[in-house]
């Protein structure tokens, strides 16, 4: 469980760093990578919390 929480946290930090690079340089590739990382982080978090909720229900 702790591993999943830390991985989600690290991925959110990585997305933030990509957006900061985009703000600093203006290169659209950093914005693209930030959005891709953010999308997969949100999907992973939803899956993680879905499993936690499913464990509670069952």
Protein backbone atom coordinates (compact mmCIF):
# COMPACT_ATOMS: atom_id res chain seq x y z
CA UNK A 1 0.00 0.00 0.00
CA UNK A 2 2.75 2.41 0.91
CA UNK A 3 4.48 1.71 -2.38
CA UNK A 4 1.38 2.71 -4.36
CA UNK A 5 0.91 5.89 -2.35
CA UNK A 6 4.52 6.93 -2.87
CA UNK A 7 4.42 6.11 -6.58
CA UNK A 8 1.31 8.26 -7.05
CA UNK A 9 2.97 11.07 -5.09
CA UNK A 10 6.18 10.84 -7.16
CA UNK A 11 4.19 10.84 -10.41
CA UNK A 12 2.31 13.96 -9.32
CA UNK A 13 5.64 15.64 -8.54
CA UNK A 14 6.96 14.62 -11.99
CA UNK A 15 3.89 16.11 -13.68
CA UNK A 16 4.39 19.32 -11.71
CA UNK A 17 8.03 19.48 -12.77
CA UNK A 18 7.01 19.02 -16.42
CA UNK A 19 4.49 21.86 -16.13
CA UNK A 20 7.13 24.05 -14.47
CA UNK A 21 9.53 23.34 -17.35
CA UNK A 22 6.74 24.23 -19.78
CA UNK A 23 6.12 27.50 -17.96
CA UNK A 24 9.84 28.27 -17.97
CA UNK A 25 10.71 27.29 -21.53
CA UNK A 26 7.42 27.47 -23.41
CA UNK A 27 8.16 24.20 -25.23
CA UNK A 28 4.94 22.26 -25.81
CA UNK A 29 6.60 18.85 -25.37
CA UNK A 30 6.84 19.47 -21.61
CA UNK A 31 3.13 20.29 -21.45
CA UNK A 32 2.35 17.12 -23.40
CA UNK A 33 4.44 14.93 -21.08
CA UNK A 34 2.92 16.62 -18.03
CA UNK A 35 -0.59 15.88 -19.24
CA UNK A 36 0.28 12.27 -20.10
CA UNK A 37 1.84 11.69 -16.67
CA UNK A 38 -1.10 13.38 -14.95
CA UNK A 39 -3.64 11.31 -16.89
CA UNK A 40 -2.02 8.00 -15.98
CA UNK A 41 -1.53 9.10 -12.38
CA UNK A 42 -5.22 9.89 -12.02
CA UNK A 43 -6.17 6.56 -13.60
CA UNK A 44 -3.80 4.69 -11.27
CA UNK A 45 -5.17 6.56 -8.24
CA UNK A 46 -8.75 5.77 -9.23
CA UNK A 47 -7.86 2.11 -9.60
CA UNK A 48 -6.08 2.09 -6.25
CA UNK A 49 -8.96 3.71 -4.41
CA UNK A 50 -11.44 1.53 -6.27
CA UNK A 51 -9.70 -1.55 -4.91
CA UNK A 52 -9.75 -0.08 -1.40
CA UNK A 53 -13.48 0.62 -1.66
CA UNK A 54 -14.14 -2.83 -3.07
CA UNK A 55 -12.30 -4.41 -0.13
CA UNK A 56 -14.48 -2.46 2.29
CA UNK A 57 -17.70 -3.50 0.54
CA UNK A 58 -16.81 -7.16 0.34
